[in-house]
PDB file of N, CA and C in Angstrom:
ATOM      1  N   MET A   1      12.470  24.693  42.114  1.00  0.00           N
ATOM      2  CA  MET A   1      13.515  23.234  41.985  1.00  0.00           C
ATOM      3  C   MET A   1      13.353  22.267  40.711  1.00  0.00           C
ATOM      4  N   PRO A   2      14.530  21.370  40.358  1.00  0.00           N
ATOM      5  CA  PRO A   2      14.712  20.565  39.430  1.00  0.00           C
ATOM      6  C   PRO A   2      14.058  20.003  39.504  1.00  0.00           C
ATOM      7  N   TYR A   3      13.799  18.903  38.064  1.00  0.00           N
ATOM      8  CA  TYR A   3      13.200  17.459  37.806  1.00  0.00           C
ATOM      9  C   TYR A   3      14.020  16.557  37.062  1.00  0.00           C
ATOM     10  N   ILE A   4      13.873  15.843  37.365  1.00  0.00           N
ATOM     11  CA  ILE A   4      14.187  14.359  36.217  1.00  0.00           C
ATOM     12  C   ILE A   4      13.486  13.988  35.758  1.00  0.00           C
ATOM     13  N   LEU A   5      14.522  13.332  35.123  1.00  0.00           N
ATOM     14  CA  LEU A   5      13.008  11.629  34.906  1.00  0.00           C
ATOM     15  C   LEU A   5      13.019  10.479  34.734  1.00  0.00           C
ATOM     16  N   GLU A   6      12.458   9.423  35.256  1.00  0.00           N
ATOM     17  CA  GLU A   6      12.172   8.438  35.786  1.00  0.00           C
ATOM     18  C   GLU A   6      12.094   7.488  34.379  1.00  0.00           C
ATOM     19  N   SER A   7      12.654   6.395  34.293  1.00  0.00           N
ATOM     20  CA  SER A   7      11.847   5.178  33.364  1.00  0.00           C
ATOM     21  C   SER A   7      11.112   4.550  33.511  1.00  0.00           C
ATOM     22  N   ILE A   8      10.169   4.226  33.480  1.00  0.00           N
ATOM     23  CA  ILE A   8       9.177   3.277  34.272  1.00  0.00           C
ATOM     24  C   ILE A   8       8.406   2.218  32.905  1.00  0.00           C
ATOM     25  N   LYS A   9       9.426   0.959  32.947  1.00  0.00           N
ATOM     26  CA  LYS A   9       8.925   0.177  32.573  1.00  0.00           C
ATOM     27  C   LYS A   9       7.194  -0.540  32.617  1.00  0.00           C
ATOM     28  N   SER A  10       6.748  -0.954  31.453  1.00  0.00           N
ATOM     29  CA  SER A  10       5.337  -1.434  32.041  1.00  0.00           C
ATOM     30  C   SER A  10       4.835  -2.539  31.117  1.00  0.00           C
ATOM     31  N   ASN A  11       3.963  -3.507  31.606  1.00  0.00           N
ATOM     32  CA  ASN A  11       3.440  -4.413  30.895  1.00  0.00           C
ATOM     33  C   ASN A  11       1.815  -4.056  30.285  1.00  0.00           C
ATOM     34  N   ARG A  12       1.766  -4.773  28.500  1.00  0.00           N
ATOM     35  CA  ARG A  12       0.303  -4.312  28.028  1.00  0.00           C
ATOM     36  C   ARG A  12      -0.001  -5.167  26.899  1.00  0.00           C
ATOM     37  N   LYS A  13      -1.198  -5.784  27.300  1.00  0.00           N
ATOM     38  CA  LYS A  13      -1.197  -6.360  26.069  1.00  0.00           C
ATOM     39  C   LYS A  13      -1.651  -6.394  24.836  1.00  0.00           C
ATOM     40  N   ILE A  14      -1.101  -6.937  23.954  1.00  0.00           N
ATOM     41  CA  ILE A  14      -1.115  -6.418  22.982  1.00  0.00           C
ATOM     42  C   ILE A  14      -2.071  -7.458  21.663  1.00  0.00           C
ATOM     43  N   LYS A  15      -2.261  -6.943  20.553  1.00  0.00           N
ATOM     44  CA  LYS A  15      -3.164  -7.649  20.167  1.00  0.00           C
ATOM     45  C   LYS A  15      -2.923  -8.699  19.682  1.00  0.00           C
ATOM     46  N   VAL A  16      -2.182  -9.495  19.170  1.00  0.00           N
ATOM     47  CA  VAL A  16      -1.637 -10.595  16.940  1.00  0.00           C
ATOM     48  C   VAL A  16      -3.408 -11.575  16.544  1.00  0.00           C
ATOM     49  N   PHE A  17      -2.911 -11.122  15.506  1.00  0.00           N
ATOM     50  CA  PHE A  17      -3.235 -11.799  14.682  1.00  0.00           C
ATOM     51  C   PHE A  17      -2.331 -13.374  14.693  1.00  0.00           C
ATOM     52  N   ALA A  18      -3.592 -14.386  14.456  1.00  0.00           N
ATOM     53  CA  ALA A  18      -2.928 -16.021  14.055  1.00  0.00           C
ATOM     54  C   ALA A  18      -2.445 -15.811  12.928  1.00  0.00           C
ATOM     55  N   CYS A  19      -1.525 -16.511  13.283  1.00  0.00           N
ATOM     56  CA  CYS A  19      -0.468 -16.681  11.595  1.00  0.00           C
ATOM     57  C   CYS A  19      -1.297 -16.988  10.315  1.00  0.00           C
ATOM     58  N   VAL A  20      -0.983 -16.020   8.737  1.00  0.00           N
ATOM     59  CA  VAL A  20      -2.360 -16.539   8.657  1.00  0.00           C
ATOM     60  C   VAL A  20      -1.561 -17.735   7.215  1.00  0.00           C
ATOM     61  N   LYS A  21      -0.992 -18.404   7.893  1.00  0.00           N
ATOM     62  CA  LYS A  21      -0.088 -20.031   6.971  1.00  0.00           C
ATOM     63  C   LYS A  21      -1.119 -20.405   8.119  1.00  0.00           C
ATOM     64  N   CYS A  22      -0.771 -20.400   9.387  1.00  0.00           N
ATOM     65  CA  CYS A  22      -1.181 -22.646   9.324  1.00  0.00           C
ATOM     66  C   CYS A  22      -1.481 -21.973  10.734  1.00  0.00           C
ATOM     67  N   GLY A  23      -2.394 -20.652  10.947  1.00  0.00           N
ATOM     68  CA  GLY A  23      -3.762 -20.419  11.739  1.00  0.00           C
ATOM     69  C   GLY A  23      -2.980 -20.053  13.730  1.00  0.00           C
ATOM     70  N   CYS A  24      -1.797 -20.405  13.389  1.00  0.00           N
ATOM     71  CA  CYS A  24      -0.859 -20.509  15.461  1.00  0.00           C
ATOM     72  C   CYS A  24      -0.860 -19.854  15.562  1.00  0.00           C
ATOM     73  N   GLU A  25      -1.328 -19.505  17.026  1.00  0.00           N
ATOM     74  CA  GLU A  25      -1.195 -18.266  17.925  1.00  0.00           C
ATOM     75  C   GLU A  25       0.486 -17.421  18.257  1.00  0.00           C
ATOM     76  N   ASP A  26       0.954 -19.069  18.421  1.00  0.00           N
ATOM     77  CA  ASP A  26       2.023 -18.461  18.965  1.00  0.00           C
ATOM     78  C   ASP A  26       3.130 -18.106  18.565  1.00  0.00           C
ATOM     79  N   ILE A  27       3.325 -16.640  18.259  1.00  0.00           N
ATOM     80  CA  ILE A  27       3.974 -15.722  17.582  1.00  0.00           C
ATOM     81  C   ILE A  27       5.248 -14.939  18.546  1.00  0.00           C
ATOM     82  N   ASP A  28       6.126 -14.559  17.718  1.00  0.00           N
ATOM     83  CA  ASP A  28       7.190 -14.001  17.738  1.00  0.00           C
ATOM     84  C   ASP A  28       8.109 -12.484  17.739  1.00  0.00           C
ATOM     85  N   ILE A  29       7.532 -11.825  18.055  1.00  0.00           N
ATOM     86  CA  ILE A  29       7.418 -10.162  18.403  1.00  0.00           C
ATOM     87  C   ILE A  29       8.380  -9.467  19.062  1.00  0.00           C
ATOM     88  N   GLY A  30       9.936  -9.020  18.290  1.00  0.00           N
ATOM     89  CA  GLY A  30      11.037  -8.721  18.626  1.00  0.00           C
ATOM     90  C   GLY A  30      11.650  -7.502  18.192  1.00  0.00           C
ATOM     91  N   ASP A  31      13.047  -7.382  18.137  1.00  0.00           N
ATOM     92  CA  ASP A  31      13.537  -6.614  17.242  1.00  0.00           C
ATOM     93  C   ASP A  31      15.592  -6.439  18.047  1.00  0.00           C
ATOM     94  N   CYS A  32      16.124  -7.178  17.518  1.00  0.00           N
ATOM     95  CA  CYS A  32      17.930  -6.647  17.632  1.00  0.00           C
ATOM     96  C   CYS A  32      17.819  -5.576  18.958  1.00  0.00           C
ATOM     97  N   GLY A  33      17.609  -4.842  18.836  1.00  0.00           N
ATOM     98  CA  GLY A  33      18.210  -4.440  19.622  1.00  0.00           C
ATOM     99  C   GLY A  33      19.081  -3.061  19.111  1.00  0.00           C
ATOM    100  N   TYR A  34      19.386  -3.204  17.890  1.00  0.00           N
ATOM    101  CA  TYR A  34      20.708  -2.465  17.771  1.00  0.00           C
ATOM    102  C   TYR A  34      20.929  -0.728  17.882  1.00  0.00           C
ATOM    103  N   SER A  35      21.494  -0.233  17.702  1.00  0.00           N
ATOM    104  CA  SER A  35      21.706   1.109  17.393  1.00  0.00           C
ATOM    105  C   SER A  35      21.034   1.608  16.217  1.00  0.00           C
ATOM    106  N   SER A  36      22.141   0.799  15.534  1.00  0.00           N
ATOM    107  CA  SER A  36      21.776   1.539  13.557  1.00  0.00           C
ATOM    108  C   SER A  36      21.769   0.042  13.018  1.00  0.00           C
ATOM    109  N   PHE A  37      20.903  -0.006  12.233  1.00  0.00           N
ATOM    110  CA  PHE A  37      20.609  -1.491  11.342  1.00  0.00           C
ATOM    111  C   PHE A  37      19.727  -2.254  11.645  1.00  0.00           C
ATOM    112  N   ASN A  38      18.767  -1.848  12.739  1.00  0.00           N
ATOM    113  CA  ASN A  38      17.915  -2.274  13.621  1.00  0.00           C
ATOM    114  C   ASN A  38      17.380  -3.424  13.043  1.00  0.00           C
ATOM    115  N   VAL A  39      17.120  -4.659  13.167  1.00  0.00           N
ATOM    116  CA  VAL A  39      15.905  -5.382  12.218  1.00  0.00           C
ATOM    117  C   VAL A  39      14.493  -6.018  13.494  1.00  0.00           C
ATOM    118  N   ALA A  40      14.014  -6.027  12.933  1.00  0.00           N
ATOM    119  CA  ALA A  40      12.483  -6.227  14.433  1.00  0.00           C
ATOM    120  C   ALA A  40      11.856  -7.243  13.080  1.00  0.00           C
ATOM    121  N   TRP A  41      11.553  -7.910  14.081  1.00  0.00           N
ATOM    122  CA  TRP A  41      10.444  -9.258  13.129  1.00  0.00           C
ATOM    123  C   TRP A  41       9.197  -9.532  13.814  1.00  0.00           C
ATOM    124  N   GLY A  42       8.020 -10.923  13.395  1.00  0.00           N
ATOM    125  CA  GLY A  42       6.984 -11.232  13.720  1.00  0.00           C
ATOM    126  C   GLY A  42       6.740 -12.544  12.930  1.00  0.00           C
ATOM    127  N   LYS A  43       7.601 -13.402  14.288  1.00  0.00           N
ATOM    128  CA  LYS A  43       7.616 -14.777  12.994  1.00  0.00           C
ATOM    129  C   LYS A  43       6.870 -15.779  13.723  1.00  0.00           C
ATOM    130  N   CYS A  44       6.060 -16.538  12.863  1.00  0.00           N
ATOM    131  CA  CYS A  44       5.170 -18.072  13.591  1.00  0.00           C
ATOM    132  C   CYS A  44       6.645 -19.014  14.201  1.00  0.00           C
ATOM    133  N   LYS A  45       5.932 -19.456  15.659  1.00  0.00           N
ATOM    134  CA  LYS A  45       6.728 -20.659  16.460  1.00  0.00           C
ATOM    135  C   LYS A  45       6.555 -22.308  15.296  1.00  0.00           C
ATOM    136  N   ASN A  46       5.307 -21.837  14.888  1.00  0.00           N
ATOM    137  CA  ASN A  46       5.268 -23.180  14.493  1.00  0.00           C
ATOM    138  C   ASN A  46       5.990 -23.732  14.185  1.00  0.00           C
ATOM    139  N   LYS A  47       7.258 -24.233  14.032  1.00  0.00           N
ATOM    140  CA  LYS A  47       7.759 -25.237  13.533  1.00  0.00           C
ATOM    141  C   LYS A  47       8.000 -25.521  11.808  1.00  0.00           C
ATOM    142  N   ARG A  48       7.217 -26.034  12.003  1.00  0.00           N
ATOM    143  CA  ARG A  48       6.657 -26.471  10.646  1.00  0.00           C
ATOM    144  C   ARG A  48       6.507 -25.435   9.766  1.00  0.00           C
ATOM    145  N   CYS A  49       6.009 -23.969  10.014  1.00  0.00           N
ATOM    146  CA  CYS A  49       5.146 -23.567   8.786  1.00  0.00           C
ATOM    147  C   CYS A  49       6.660 -21.354   8.839  1.00  0.00           C
ATOM    148  N   GLN A  50       7.262 -21.490   9.996  1.00  0.00           N
ATOM    149  CA  GLN A  50       8.436 -20.756  10.120  1.00  0.00           C
ATOM    150  C   GLN A  50       7.455 -19.118   9.498  1.00  0.00           C
ATOM    151  N   HIS A  51       6.947 -19.016   9.134  1.00  0.00           N
ATOM    152  CA  HIS A  51       6.333 -18.045   8.521  1.00  0.00           C
ATOM    153  C   HIS A  51       6.802 -16.574   9.191  1.00  0.00           C
ATOM    154  N   GLU A  52       7.169 -15.553   8.452  1.00  0.00           N
ATOM    155  CA  GLU A  52       7.920 -14.640   8.960  1.00  0.00           C
ATOM    156  C   GLU A  52       7.476 -13.300   8.259  1.00  0.00           C
ATOM    157  N   VAL A  53       7.633 -12.031   9.037  1.00  0.00           N
ATOM    158  CA  VAL A  53       6.543 -10.734   8.635  1.00  0.00           C
ATOM    159  C   VAL A  53       8.310  -9.710   9.134  1.00  0.00           C
ATOM    160  N   GLU A  54       9.420  -9.232   8.875  1.00  0.00           N
ATOM    161  CA  GLU A  54      10.108  -8.342   8.794  1.00  0.00           C
ATOM    162  C   GLU A  54      10.556  -6.979   8.749  1.00  0.00           C
ATOM    163  N   ILE A  55      10.889  -6.298   9.508  1.00  0.00           N
ATOM    164  CA  ILE A  55      10.818  -5.064   9.042  1.00  0.00           C
ATOM    165  C   ILE A  55      12.472  -4.282   9.015  1.00  0.00           C
ATOM    166  N   SER A  56      12.514  -4.073   8.441  1.00  0.00           N
ATOM    167  CA  SER A  56      14.104  -3.570   7.968  1.00  0.00           C
ATOM    168  C   SER A  56      14.593  -2.902   7.427  1.00  0.00           C
ATOM    169  N   PRO A  57      15.078  -1.752   7.469  1.00  0.00           N
ATOM    170  CA  PRO A  57      15.464  -1.307   8.656  1.00  0.00           C
ATOM    171  C   PRO A  57      14.597  -0.355   9.512  1.00  0.00           C
ATOM    172  N   CYS A  58      14.831  -0.520  10.763  1.00  0.00           N
ATOM    173  CA  CYS A  58      13.832   0.196  11.598  1.00  0.00           C
ATOM    174  C   CYS A  58      14.898   0.810  12.099  1.00  0.00           C
ATOM    175  N   GLY A  59      14.260   1.691  13.012  1.00  0.00           N
ATOM    176  CA  GLY A  59      14.479   2.527  14.075  1.00  0.00           C
ATOM    177  C   GLY A  59      14.790   2.004  15.008  1.00  0.00           C
ATOM    178  N   CYS A  60      15.894   2.651  16.436  1.00  0.00           N
ATOM    179  CA  CYS A  60      16.002   1.463  17.802  1.00  0.00           C
ATOM    180  C   CYS A  60      15.512   1.605  18.816  1.00  0.00           C
ATOM    181  N   ASP A  61      13.848   2.609  18.640  1.00  0.00           N
ATOM    182  CA  ASP A  61      13.733   2.599  19.859  1.00  0.00           C
ATOM    183  C   ASP A  61      11.965   2.119  19.196  1.00  0.00           C
ATOM    184  N   ILE A  62      11.919   1.091  17.546  1.00  0.00           N
ATOM    185  CA  ILE A  62      10.617   0.458  17.859  1.00  0.00           C
ATOM    186  C   ILE A  62      10.085  -0.111  19.090  1.00  0.00           C
ATOM    187  N   THR A  63       9.161  -0.301  19.184  1.00  0.00           N
ATOM    188  CA  THR A  63       7.845  -0.482  20.009  1.00  0.00           C
ATOM    189  C   THR A  63       7.556  -1.878  19.665  1.00  0.00           C
ATOM    190  N   LYS A  64       7.391  -2.828  20.140  1.00  0.00           N
ATOM    191  CA  LYS A  64       6.046  -4.008  20.375  1.00  0.00           C
ATOM    192  C   LYS A  64       5.170  -3.813  19.773  1.00  0.00           C
ATOM    193  N   LYS A  65       4.473  -2.651  20.300  1.00  0.00           N
ATOM    194  CA  LYS A  65       3.522  -2.316  19.402  1.00  0.00           C
ATOM    195  C   LYS A  65       3.480  -2.220  18.449  1.00  0.00           C
ATOM    196  N   GLN A  66       4.372  -1.650  17.244  1.00  0.00           N
ATOM    197  CA  GLN A  66       4.447  -1.081  15.829  1.00  0.00           C
ATOM    198  C   GLN A  66       4.715  -2.089  15.507  1.00  0.00           C
ATOM    199  N   ILE A  67       5.635  -3.023  16.113  1.00  0.00           N
ATOM    200  CA  ILE A  67       6.078  -4.080  14.878  1.00  0.00           C
ATOM    201  C   ILE A  67       4.960  -5.581  14.880  1.00  0.00           C
ATOM    202  N   ALA A  68       4.068  -5.343  15.807  1.00  0.00           N
ATOM    203  CA  ALA A  68       2.740  -5.997  16.196  1.00  0.00           C
ATOM    204  C   ALA A  68       1.929  -5.400  15.579  1.00  0.00           C
ATOM    205  N   LYS A  69       1.816  -4.193  14.603  1.00  0.00           N
ATOM    206  CA  LYS A  69       0.762  -3.545  14.136  1.00  0.00           C
ATOM    207  C   LYS A  69       1.361  -3.892  12.213  1.00  0.00           C
ATOM    208  N   VAL A  70       2.696  -4.351  11.857  1.00  0.00           N
ATOM    209  CA  VAL A  70       2.819  -4.506  10.965  1.00  0.00           C
ATOM    210  C   VAL A  70       3.061  -6.070  10.865  1.00  0.00           C
ATOM    211  N   TRP A  71       2.875  -7.155  11.770  1.00  0.00           N
ATOM    212  CA  TRP A  71       2.608  -8.162  12.543  1.00  0.00           C
ATOM    213  C   TRP A  71       0.796  -8.502  11.214  1.00  0.00           C
ATOM    214  N   ASN A  72       0.263  -7.933  12.605  1.00  0.00           N
ATOM    215  CA  ASN A  72      -0.948  -7.993  11.750  1.00  0.00           C
ATOM    216  C   ASN A  72      -1.572  -7.570  10.562  1.00  0.00           C
ATOM    217  N   ASP A  73      -1.629  -6.133   9.582  1.00  0.00           N
ATOM    218  CA  ASP A  73      -1.444  -6.108   8.132  1.00  0.00           C
ATOM    219  C   ASP A  73      -1.247  -6.881   7.455  1.00  0.00           C
ATOM    220  N   GLU A  74       0.129  -7.394   8.002  1.00  0.00           N
ATOM    221  CA  GLU A  74       0.388  -9.307   6.962  1.00  0.00           C
ATOM    222  C   GLU A  74      -0.108 -10.274   7.116  1.00  0.00           C
ATOM    223  N   ASN A  75      -1.307 -10.060   8.421  1.00  0.00           N
ATOM    224  CA  ASN A  75      -1.679 -12.214   8.805  1.00  0.00           C
ATOM    225  C   ASN A  75      -3.554 -11.075   8.890  1.00  0.00           C
ATOM    226  N   ASN A  76      -3.592 -10.132   8.676  1.00  0.00           N
ATOM    227  CA  ASN A  76      -4.904 -10.019   8.062  1.00  0.00           C
ATOM    228  C   ASN A  76      -6.051 -10.115   7.478  1.00  0.00           C
ATOM    229  N   PRO A  77      -6.413 -10.991   7.509  1.00  0.00           N
ATOM    230  CA  PRO A  77      -7.031 -12.297   6.365  1.00  0.00           C
ATOM    231  C   PRO A  77      -7.955 -11.145   5.128  1.00  0.00           C
ATOM    232  N   LYS A  78      -8.321 -10.246   5.514  1.00  0.00           N
ATOM    233  CA  LYS A  78      -9.305  -8.831   5.170  1.00  0.00           C
ATOM    234  C   LYS A  78      -8.155  -8.104   4.042  1.00  0.00           C
ATOM    235  N   LYS A  79      -7.349  -7.403   5.226  1.00  0.00           N
ATOM    236  CA  LYS A  79      -6.492  -6.681   4.783  1.00  0.00           C
ATOM    237  C   LYS A  79      -4.986  -7.232   3.536  1.00  0.00           C
ATOM    238  N   LEU A  80      -5.360  -8.471   3.877  1.00  0.00           N
ATOM    239  CA  LEU A  80      -4.080  -9.045   2.319  1.00  0.00           C
ATOM    240  C   LEU A  80      -5.658  -9.071   1.515  1.00  0.00           C
ATOM    241  N   LYS A  81      -6.965  -9.548   1.211  1.00  0.00           N
ATOM    242  CA  LYS A  81      -7.728 -10.107   0.484  1.00  0.00           C
ATOM    243  C   LYS A  81      -8.097  -8.966  -0.216  1.00  0.00           C
ATOM    244  N   SER A  82      -7.939  -7.823   0.069  1.00  0.00           N
ATOM    245  CA  SER A  82      -8.614  -6.671  -0.040  1.00  0.00           C
ATOM    246  C   SER A  82      -7.013  -5.922  -1.154  1.00  0.00           C
ATOM    247  N   ARG A  83      -5.892  -6.582  -0.600  1.00  0.00           N
ATOM    248  CA  ARG A  83      -5.192  -5.978  -1.322  1.00  0.00           C
ATOM    249  C   ARG A  83      -4.550  -6.658  -2.673  1.00  0.00           C
ATOM    250  N   TYR A  84      -4.637  -8.285  -1.892  1.00  0.00           N
ATOM    251  CA  TYR A  84      -4.406  -8.803  -3.435  1.00  0.00           C
ATOM    252  C   TYR A  84      -5.820  -8.694  -4.630  1.00  0.00           C
ATOM    253  N   GLU A  85      -6.764  -8.451  -3.935  1.00  0.00           N
ATOM    254  CA  GLU A  85      -8.065  -7.916  -5.287  1.00  0.00           C
ATOM    255  C   GLU A  85      -7.427  -6.848  -6.524  1.00  0.00           C
ATOM    256  N   LYS A  86      -7.335  -6.070  -5.175  1.00  0.00           N
ATOM    257  CA  LYS A  86      -6.523  -4.202  -5.749  1.00  0.00           C
ATOM    258  C   LYS A  86      -5.393  -5.021  -6.775  1.00  0.00           C
ATOM    259  N   GLU A  87      -4.113  -5.159  -6.360  1.00  0.00           N
ATOM    260  CA  GLU A  87      -3.032  -5.308  -7.601  1.00  0.00           C
ATOM    261  C   GLU A  87      -3.879  -7.268  -8.535  1.00  0.00           C
ATOM    262  N   ILE A  88      -5.059  -7.232  -8.357  1.00  0.00           N
ATOM    263  CA  ILE A  88      -5.460  -8.428  -9.629  1.00  0.00           C
ATOM    264  C   ILE A  88      -5.847  -7.421 -10.692  1.00  0.00           C
ATOM    265  N   ARG A  89      -6.996  -6.423  -9.660  1.00  0.00           N
ATOM    266  CA  ARG A  89      -7.021  -5.469 -11.203  1.00  0.00           C
ATOM    267  C   ARG A  89      -6.523  -4.514 -12.067  1.00  0.00           C
ATOM    268  N   ALA A  90      -5.264  -4.286 -10.902  1.00  0.00           N
ATOM    269  CA  ALA A  90      -4.197  -3.912 -11.820  1.00  0.00           C
ATOM    270  C   ALA A  90      -3.579  -4.230 -12.985  1.00  0.00           C
ATOM    271  N   LEU A  91      -3.214  -5.614 -12.963  1.00  0.00           N
ATOM    272  CA  LEU A  91      -2.268  -6.938 -13.459  1.00  0.00           C
ATOM    273  C   LEU A  91      -3.949  -7.284 -15.327  1.00  0.00           C
ATOM    274  N   GLN A  92      -5.095  -6.973 -14.107  1.00  0.00           N
ATOM    275  CA  GLN A  92      -6.312  -7.079 -16.020  1.00  0.00           C
ATOM    276  C   GLN A  92      -6.157  -6.012 -16.599  1.00  0.00           C
ATOM    277  N   LYS A  93      -5.830  -5.507 -15.723  1.00  0.00           N
ATOM    278  CA  LYS A  93      -5.900  -3.566 -16.690  1.00  0.00           C
ATOM    279  C   LYS A  93      -4.789  -4.015 -17.455  1.00  0.00           C
ATOM    280  N   LYS A  94      -3.462  -4.428 -16.908  1.00  0.00           N
ATOM    281  CA  LYS A  94      -2.221  -4.455 -17.811  1.00  0.00           C
ATOM    282  C   LYS A  94      -2.674  -5.145 -19.013  1.00  0.00           C
ATOM    283  N   ILE A  95      -3.606  -6.570 -18.642  1.00  0.00           N
ATOM    284  CA  ILE A  95      -3.620  -7.890 -19.666  1.00  0.00           C
ATOM    285  C   ILE A  95      -4.152  -6.267 -20.297  1.00  0.00           C
ATOM    286  N   LYS A  96      -5.170  -5.773 -20.583  1.00  0.00           N
ATOM    287  CA  LYS A  96      -5.429  -5.919 -21.249  1.00  0.00           C
ATOM    288  C   LYS A  96      -5.162  -3.996 -22.773  1.00  0.00           C
ATOM    289  N   ALA A  97      -4.609  -3.724 -21.586  1.00  0.00           N
ATOM    290  CA  ALA A  97      -3.562  -3.092 -22.206  1.00  0.00           C
ATOM    291  C   ALA A  97      -2.625  -3.402 -23.232  1.00  0.00           C
ATOM    292  N   LEU A  98      -2.522  -4.333 -23.730  1.00  0.00           N
ATOM    293  CA  LEU A  98      -0.956  -5.218 -24.535  1.00  0.00           C
ATOM    294  C   LEU A  98      -1.987  -5.478 -25.567  1.00  0.00           C
ATOM    295  N   PRO A  99      -0.927  -5.593 -26.439  1.00  0.00           N
ATOM    296  CA  PRO A  99      -1.412  -5.052 -27.953  1.00  0.00           C
ATOM    297  C   PRO A  99      -1.887  -7.086 -28.150  1.00  0.00           C
ATOM    298  N   LYS A 100      -2.982  -6.898 -29.380  1.00  0.00           N
ATOM    299  CA  LYS A 100      -3.429  -9.109 -29.267  1.00  0.00           C
ATOM    300  C   LYS A 100      -2.223  -9.522 -30.991  1.00  0.00           C
TER     301      LYS A 100
END
């Protein structure tokens, strides 16, 4: 007996960090839905802030969970602090290497 596949939509909660710039918890996660040259984003909905993280280009099958992960990485204070400290150390090495 042959089989067919049925597509089923489901709802699930995805943890999304608050905006690192203003603390707003109202975040828009989405994508254009294009089959090629798709663009995805995470946007703070605070009209005064409008902080945005863009993923471009991305595949046409990107999920909200994948977009939320990128948003979370860019809005997680611990990860940002660690990244910035690493950049500072690298710049300090470059400064020390400059001739006096």
